[in-house]
């Protein structure tokens, strides 16, 4: 979260005085989308941080499964829920990045900001977590996803601590 704020501050300070030209407007458009997404990430992280220890029903199910499968489930589901929590802001940011990537007349700062956001969002972590999550048997995913605890953002490390890992 601190890294995201540093990136946002750096991007905002790189704009300098707001100019009336299209380049500055495009940059502000990107900065606004980043700020909206950042706010959503903070909101979702707060929900995640409020998550308590999972109920004994969930722990019992997980204890009966191989630890590697449960780790893959927890990490993949956590990413999935955080993305779902910030879905509209993430979609807006992705559309903004895609639109600006095809635009002409971008300032150097905007180009650098786009590249930075692309590297942050498309670094492969989401794909890796999704692929590992998909390897967890569907029946187990469905059973755990059906529990209220795993229907909103949670902290994987809290669950792992509760499992004694």
Protein backbone atom coordinates (compact mmCIF):
# COMPACT_ATOMS: atom_id res chain seq x y z
CA UNK A 1 0.00 0.00 0.00
CA UNK A 2 2.84 2.37 0.81
CA UNK A 3 4.45 1.61 -2.56
CA UNK A 4 1.17 2.44 -4.32
CA UNK A 5 0.99 5.80 -2.52
CA UNK A 6 4.59 6.57 -3.47
CA UNK A 7 3.86 5.76 -7.12
CA UNK A 8 0.71 7.90 -7.03
CA UNK A 9 2.58 10.82 -5.41
CA UNK A 10 5.39 10.57 -7.95
CA UNK A 11 2.95 10.50 -10.83
CA UNK A 12 0.99 13.46 -9.49
CA UNK A 13 4.08 15.56 -8.81
CA UNK A 14 5.48 14.84 -12.27
CA UNK A 15 2.60 16.73 -13.86
CA UNK A 16 3.69 20.11 -12.59
CA UNK A 17 1.31 23.01 -13.21
CA UNK A 18 -1.83 21.91 -14.99
CA UNK A 19 -1.76 23.01 -18.59
CA UNK A 20 -4.77 23.38 -20.86
CA UNK A 21 -3.28 21.21 -23.62
CA UNK A 22 -4.46 17.73 -24.53
CA UNK A 23 -1.29 16.09 -23.16
CA UNK A 24 -1.99 17.42 -19.67
CA UNK A 25 -5.65 16.42 -19.91
CA UNK A 26 -4.68 12.87 -20.91
CA UNK A 27 -2.23 12.70 -18.02
CA UNK A 28 -4.88 13.94 -15.57
CA UNK A 29 -7.29 11.36 -16.96
CA UNK A 30 -4.78 8.61 -16.13
CA UNK A 31 -3.99 10.04 -12.70
CA UNK A 32 -7.71 10.19 -11.85
CA UNK A 33 -8.17 6.52 -12.81
CA UNK A 34 -5.11 5.54 -10.75
CA UNK A 35 -6.41 7.51 -7.75
CA UNK A 36 -9.85 5.88 -7.98
CA UNK A 37 -8.29 2.43 -8.15
CA UNK A 38 -5.95 3.28 -5.27
CA UNK A 39 -8.90 4.33 -3.14
CA UNK A 40 -10.71 1.09 -3.93
CA UNK A 41 -7.60 -0.95 -3.08
CA UNK A 42 -7.34 0.82 0.28
CA UNK A 43 -11.05 0.22 0.98
CA UNK A 44 -10.71 -3.48 0.13
CA UNK A 45 -7.52 -3.80 2.15
CA UNK A 46 -9.39 -2.43 5.17
CA UNK A 47 -12.04 -5.12 4.75
CA UNK A 48 -9.25 -7.69 4.43
CA UNK A 49 -7.58 -6.35 7.57
CA UNK A 50 -10.82 -6.68 9.55
CA UNK A 51 -11.08 -10.41 8.79
CA UNK A 52 -10.95 -12.52 11.90
CA UNK A 53 -9.91 -16.14 12.29
CA UNK A 54 -12.02 -18.40 10.08
CA UNK A 55 -14.72 -20.51 11.72
CA UNK A 56 -13.86 -24.01 12.89
CA UNK A 57 -15.94 -25.46 10.03
CA UNK A 58 -13.56 -23.91 7.50
CA UNK A 59 -10.47 -24.92 9.45
CA UNK A 60 -11.69 -28.52 9.70
CA UNK A 61 -12.21 -28.71 5.93
CA UNK A 62 -8.75 -27.27 5.26
CA UNK A 63 -6.96 -29.51 7.77
CA UNK A 64 -8.24 -32.57 5.89
CA UNK A 65 -6.55 -31.42 2.64
CA UNK A 66 -2.93 -31.30 1.47
CA UNK A 67 -1.26 -28.12 2.71
CA UNK A 68 -0.05 -27.15 -0.77
CA UNK A 69 -3.60 -27.24 -2.14
CA UNK A 70 -4.84 -25.09 0.70
CA UNK A 71 -2.04 -22.54 0.22
CA UNK A 72 -2.89 -22.33 -3.48
CA UNK A 73 -6.56 -21.96 -2.66
CA UNK A 74 -5.99 -19.25 -0.06
CA UNK A 75 -3.64 -17.13 -2.16
CA UNK A 76 -5.70 -17.48 -5.33
CA UNK A 77 -8.99 -16.77 -3.58
CA UNK A 78 -7.54 -13.77 -1.75
CA UNK A 79 -6.38 -12.22 -5.05
CA UNK A 80 -9.73 -13.04 -6.64
CA UNK A 81 -11.73 -11.39 -3.87
CA UNK A 82 -9.55 -8.29 -3.75
CA UNK A 83 -9.95 -7.87 -7.51
CA UNK A 84 -13.72 -8.38 -7.21
CA UNK A 85 -13.89 -5.83 -4.40
CA UNK A 86 -12.22 -3.17 -6.59
CA UNK A 87 -13.68 -4.50 -9.84
CA UNK A 88 -15.27 -1.35 -11.26
CA UNK A 89 -12.24 0.81 -10.46
CA UNK A 90 -9.86 -1.83 -11.83
CA UNK A 91 -11.90 -2.10 -15.02
CA UNK A 92 -11.90 1.68 -15.38
CA UNK A 93 -8.13 1.77 -14.93
CA UNK A 94 -7.59 -1.02 -17.47
CA UNK A 95 -9.81 0.72 -20.02
CA UNK A 96 -7.97 3.98 -19.38
CA UNK A 97 -4.58 2.30 -19.86
CA UNK A 98 -5.76 0.58 -23.02
CA UNK A 99 -7.24 3.76 -24.44
CA UNK A 100 -4.22 5.89 -23.66
CA UNK A 101 -1.82 3.27 -25.02
CA UNK A 102 -3.38 3.85 -28.44
CA UNK A 103 -3.53 7.67 -28.12
CA UNK A 104 -1.25 10.13 -29.87
CA UNK A 105 0.37 13.14 -28.26
CA UNK A 106 1.10 11.65 -24.84
CA UNK A 107 3.63 13.50 -22.75
CA UNK A 108 6.76 11.69 -21.58
CA UNK A 109 5.35 11.69 -18.03
CA UNK A 110 2.14 10.04 -19.22
CA UNK A 111 4.07 7.44 -21.19
CA UNK A 112 6.19 6.66 -18.13
CA UNK A 113 3.10 6.50 -15.91
CA UNK A 114 1.42 4.11 -18.33
CA UNK A 115 4.48 1.89 -18.43
CA UNK A 116 4.71 1.88 -14.64
CA UNK A 117 1.06 0.93 -14.22
CA UNK A 118 1.30 -1.78 -16.88
CA UNK A 119 4.32 -3.26 -15.11
CA UNK A 120 2.49 -3.13 -11.78
CA UNK A 121 -0.78 -4.63 -13.02
CA UNK A 122 0.61 -7.11 -15.53
CA UNK A 123 3.64 -8.49 -13.70
CA UNK A 124 2.33 -12.07 -13.90
CA UNK A 125 1.37 -12.47 -10.25
CA UNK A 126 -2.39 -12.51 -10.91
CA UNK A 127 -2.00 -15.10 -13.64
CA UNK A 128 0.24 -17.28 -11.47
CA UNK A 129 -2.24 -17.13 -8.57
CA UNK A 130 -5.18 -17.89 -10.89
CA UNK A 131 -3.41 -20.91 -12.42
CA UNK A 132 -2.51 -22.33 -9.02
CA UNK A 133 -6.07 -21.72 -7.80
CA UNK A 134 -7.44 -23.60 -10.83
CA UNK A 135 -5.33 -26.63 -9.90
CA UNK A 136 -7.19 -26.96 -6.60
CA UNK A 137 -9.98 -29.53 -7.06
CA UNK A 138 -13.22 -27.80 -8.05
CA UNK A 139 -15.16 -29.62 -5.35
CA UNK A 140 -12.85 -28.21 -2.66
CA UNK A 141 -12.98 -24.70 -4.14
CA UNK A 142 -16.77 -24.84 -4.29
CA UNK A 143 -17.04 -26.13 -0.73
CA UNK A 144 -14.77 -23.41 0.70
CA UNK A 145 -16.21 -20.66 -1.53
CA UNK A 146 -19.65 -21.58 -0.22
CA UNK A 147 -18.64 -20.57 3.30
CA UNK A 148 -19.43 -16.94 4.21
CA UNK A 149 -15.84 -16.39 5.41
CA UNK A 150 -14.45 -16.89 1.90
CA UNK A 151 -16.97 -14.59 0.21
CA UNK A 152 -15.27 -11.32 1.18
CA UNK A 153 -11.61 -10.28 1.33
CA UNK A 154 -9.61 -12.13 3.98
CA UNK A 155 -5.99 -12.33 5.05
CA UNK A 156 -4.26 -15.56 3.98
CA UNK A 157 -1.73 -15.23 6.79
CA UNK A 158 -4.47 -15.07 9.45
CA UNK A 159 -5.88 -18.31 8.07
CA UNK A 160 -2.46 -19.96 7.91
CA UNK A 161 -1.79 -18.92 11.52
CA UNK A 162 -5.13 -20.43 12.55
CA UNK A 163 -4.07 -23.65 10.82
CA UNK A 164 -0.81 -23.61 12.77
CA UNK A 165 1.43 -23.09 9.72
